[in-house]
């Protein structure tokens, strides 16, 4: 396995990775000092949209994640770097 690429051939960590994504999305919102309602307004969505994806009740596509990052003033590239670091930590713990 390349040190620069995470291969999903083994999905044993999928659930942990989903939780890591949820955590990171919530973390960046809290770090930006933005409430769920404020973020929802920026995205032209109801507050329940943010609440549901943070709770894992709704899945997001990559375009939605991009706009969430932009709405909070975080570069998508920085977000993906942080997410990859979380994934690597999960992989290294097993």
Foldseek 3Di string as FASTA:
>chain_A
DDPVDDDCPDVPCVVVLLLLLLVLLVVLCVVLVHDLCRLCVLVVHHSVVNVCSSVVNDDDDPVVVCSSCVSSPHHPVVSVVVSVVSVVVSVVVD
